[in-house]
Amino acid sequence: MNEVRWLDAEEQQAWRAYLDGTRLLIQALDRQLDADAGVSMLDYEVLVVLSEAPGRRLRMRDIADAVLSTRSGATRAVTRLERLGWVRRTECADDRRGTEAELTEAGAAKLAATAPGHVAAVRAHMFDLLSPADVAHLRSISAKVRDHLQRPAS
């Protein structure tokens, strides 16, 4: 049986600060988006992903993967955005069984109107607190964790 490698005091403090900081940041950004634009963080992420996609359209499963959501969560977000007229669903041209979501002009306008306030909140709650060296470390650490977790299981 493998022995548990417990976190030492320094690791435990780092872990808890990371968890608390991440949760509080997401809550603050979600509150800002809701108050200023009436959208959730997930809704905003879907709009961003579609705005950056070729032809402003993606398959539903690719949206879920891009926003790190379940397929059902991404589907619910697209349904909300579709009701608002910001996204429309279309058949996949190369696979008629598949469905794509496409950003509408109204969705692009909503994103353009929402982005400045969101970026200001990200800056105020995160980047304005960090030095350029901190940002470089954050990028490096976050990329290591992300890349490790995105590797296929062996």
Protein backbone atom coordinates (compact mmCIF):
# COMPACT_ATOMS: atom_id res chain seq x y z
CA MET A 1 0.00 0.00 0.00
CA ASN A 2 1.28 3.46 -0.91
CA GLU A 3 1.94 5.84 1.92
CA VAL A 4 0.08 9.15 1.75
CA ARG A 5 2.29 12.16 1.04
CA TRP A 6 0.49 14.73 3.18
CA LEU A 7 0.88 18.38 2.37
CA ASP A 8 3.32 20.19 4.61
CA ALA A 9 2.27 23.47 6.26
CA GLU A 10 3.59 25.63 3.39
CA GLU A 11 1.89 23.49 0.74
CA GLN A 12 -1.36 23.46 2.74
CA GLN A 13 -1.35 27.28 2.98
CA ALA A 14 -0.58 27.61 -0.73
CA TRP A 15 -3.33 25.13 -1.65
CA ARG A 16 -5.99 26.81 0.48
CA ALA A 17 -5.03 30.30 -0.68
CA TYR A 18 -5.23 29.10 -4.30
CA LEU A 19 -8.67 27.50 -3.80
CA ASP A 20 -10.09 30.43 -1.88
CA GLY A 21 -8.65 33.00 -4.28
CA THR A 22 -9.91 31.15 -7.36
CA ARG A 23 -13.41 30.67 -5.96
CA LEU A 24 -13.67 34.27 -4.77
CA LEU A 25 -12.39 35.60 -8.11
CA ILE A 26 -14.90 33.56 -10.12
CA GLN A 27 -17.72 34.68 -7.79
CA ALA A 28 -16.69 38.34 -8.13
CA LEU A 29 -16.47 38.11 -11.93
CA ASP A 30 -19.80 36.28 -12.13
CA ARG A 31 -21.43 38.99 -9.96
CA GLN A 32 -19.94 41.75 -12.13
CA LEU A 33 -21.18 40.14 -15.35
CA ASP A 34 -24.65 39.58 -13.92
CA ALA A 35 -24.95 43.10 -12.49
CA ASP A 36 -23.53 44.92 -15.51
CA ALA A 37 -24.70 42.75 -18.41
CA GLY A 38 -27.22 40.20 -17.14
CA VAL A 39 -25.08 37.23 -18.19
CA SER A 40 -23.30 34.49 -16.29
CA MET A 41 -19.60 33.75 -16.52
CA LEU A 42 -20.40 30.63 -18.59
CA ASP A 43 -22.63 32.62 -20.96
CA TYR A 44 -19.84 35.16 -21.41
CA GLU A 45 -17.27 32.44 -22.06
CA VAL A 46 -19.50 30.87 -24.72
CA LEU A 47 -19.87 34.24 -26.46
CA VAL A 48 -16.09 34.75 -26.36
CA VAL A 49 -15.32 31.27 -27.71
CA LEU A 50 -17.79 31.71 -30.56
CA SER A 51 -16.42 35.17 -31.37
CA GLU A 52 -12.94 33.67 -31.76
CA ALA A 53 -14.01 30.63 -33.82
CA PRO A 54 -13.75 30.50 -37.62
CA GLY A 55 -17.03 31.82 -39.02
CA ARG A 56 -18.08 32.53 -35.40
CA ARG A 57 -19.47 28.99 -35.15
CA LEU A 58 -18.53 25.78 -33.34
CA ARG A 59 -19.94 22.32 -32.75
CA MET A 60 -21.66 21.97 -29.41
CA ARG A 61 -19.09 19.48 -28.10
CA ASP A 62 -16.27 21.85 -29.05
CA ILE A 63 -17.94 24.65 -27.11
CA ALA A 64 -18.17 22.41 -24.03
CA ASP A 65 -14.49 21.48 -24.37
CA ALA A 66 -13.42 25.10 -24.89
CA VAL A 67 -15.24 26.43 -21.81
CA LEU A 68 -14.37 23.37 -19.69
CA SER A 69 -18.03 22.60 -19.10
CA THR A 70 -20.12 19.47 -19.37
CA ARG A 71 -21.97 19.07 -22.64
CA SER A 72 -25.28 19.53 -20.82
CA GLY A 73 -23.99 22.73 -19.16
CA ALA A 74 -22.83 24.12 -22.50
CA THR A 75 -26.15 23.13 -24.10
CA ARG A 76 -28.10 24.97 -21.39
CA ALA A 77 -25.92 28.07 -21.87
CA VAL A 78 -26.40 27.99 -25.65
CA THR A 79 -30.16 27.57 -25.14
CA ARG A 80 -30.23 30.69 -22.90
CA LEU A 81 -28.16 32.66 -25.40
CA GLU A 82 -30.33 31.44 -28.28
CA ARG A 83 -33.50 32.64 -26.50
CA LEU A 84 -31.87 36.07 -26.17
CA GLY A 85 -31.04 36.13 -29.89
CA TRP A 86 -27.28 36.16 -29.32
CA VAL A 87 -26.64 32.66 -30.70
CA ARG A 88 -28.38 30.48 -33.28
CA ARG A 89 -28.11 26.74 -33.83
CA THR A 90 -27.45 25.34 -37.26
CA GLU A 91 -26.85 21.92 -38.77
CA CYS A 92 -23.22 21.00 -39.28
CA ALA A 93 -22.42 21.26 -42.96
CA ASP A 94 -20.13 18.22 -42.87
CA ASP A 95 -22.26 16.06 -40.53
CA ARG A 96 -26.02 16.55 -40.57
CA ARG A 97 -26.35 14.73 -37.23
CA GLY A 98 -24.24 17.37 -35.50
CA THR A 99 -25.30 20.81 -34.33
CA GLU A 100 -23.29 23.99 -34.35
CA ALA A 101 -23.89 27.22 -32.48
CA GLU A 102 -23.21 30.46 -34.29
CA LEU A 103 -22.73 33.92 -32.80
CA THR A 104 -25.30 36.38 -34.19
CA GLU A 105 -24.70 40.06 -34.86
CA ALA A 106 -26.73 40.83 -31.71
CA GLY A 107 -24.49 38.41 -29.76
CA ALA A 108 -21.35 40.08 -31.10
CA ALA A 109 -22.77 43.46 -30.09
CA LYS A 110 -23.61 42.16 -26.60
CA LEU A 111 -20.09 40.80 -26.23
CA ALA A 112 -18.56 44.09 -27.40
CA ALA A 113 -20.67 45.99 -24.88
CA THR A 114 -19.91 43.55 -22.04
CA ALA A 115 -16.17 43.02 -22.54
CA PRO A 116 -14.86 46.37 -21.25
CA GLY A 117 -16.52 45.99 -17.83
CA HIS A 118 -15.41 42.38 -17.55
CA VAL A 119 -11.81 43.20 -18.45
CA ALA A 120 -11.83 46.06 -15.94
CA ALA A 121 -13.01 43.63 -13.23
CA VAL A 122 -10.35 41.05 -14.16
CA ARG A 123 -7.71 43.77 -14.00
CA ALA A 124 -8.99 45.21 -10.70
CA HIS A 125 -9.38 41.85 -8.95
CA MET A 126 -6.23 40.20 -10.29
CA PHE A 127 -3.68 41.86 -12.54
CA ASP A 128 -3.53 45.21 -10.76
CA LEU A 129 -2.45 43.27 -7.65
CA LEU A 130 0.45 41.53 -9.42
CA SER A 131 3.89 42.59 -10.56
CA PRO A 132 5.10 41.64 -14.05
CA ALA A 133 7.19 38.88 -12.39
CA ASP A 134 4.08 37.62 -10.57
CA VAL A 135 2.19 37.48 -13.88
CA ALA A 136 5.02 35.49 -15.47
CA HIS A 137 5.02 33.05 -12.53
CA LEU A 138 1.25 32.75 -12.60
CA ARG A 139 1.31 32.01 -16.34
CA SER A 140 4.02 29.39 -15.89
CA ILE A 141 2.38 27.67 -12.92
CA SER A 142 -1.09 27.73 -14.44
CA ALA A 143 0.19 26.34 -17.74
CA LYS A 144 1.97 23.47 -15.95
CA VAL A 145 -1.18 22.47 -14.09
CA ARG A 146 -3.42 22.90 -17.16
CA ASP A 147 -1.08 20.95 -19.44
CA HIS A 148 -0.76 18.13 -16.88
CA LEU A 149 -4.52 17.85 -16.48
CA GLN A 150 -5.21 17.99 -20.22
CA ARG A 151 -2.87 15.10 -20.99
CA PRO A 152 -4.68 11.89 -21.85
CA ALA A 153 -4.72 9.44 -18.95
CA SER A 154 -2.15 6.69 -19.37
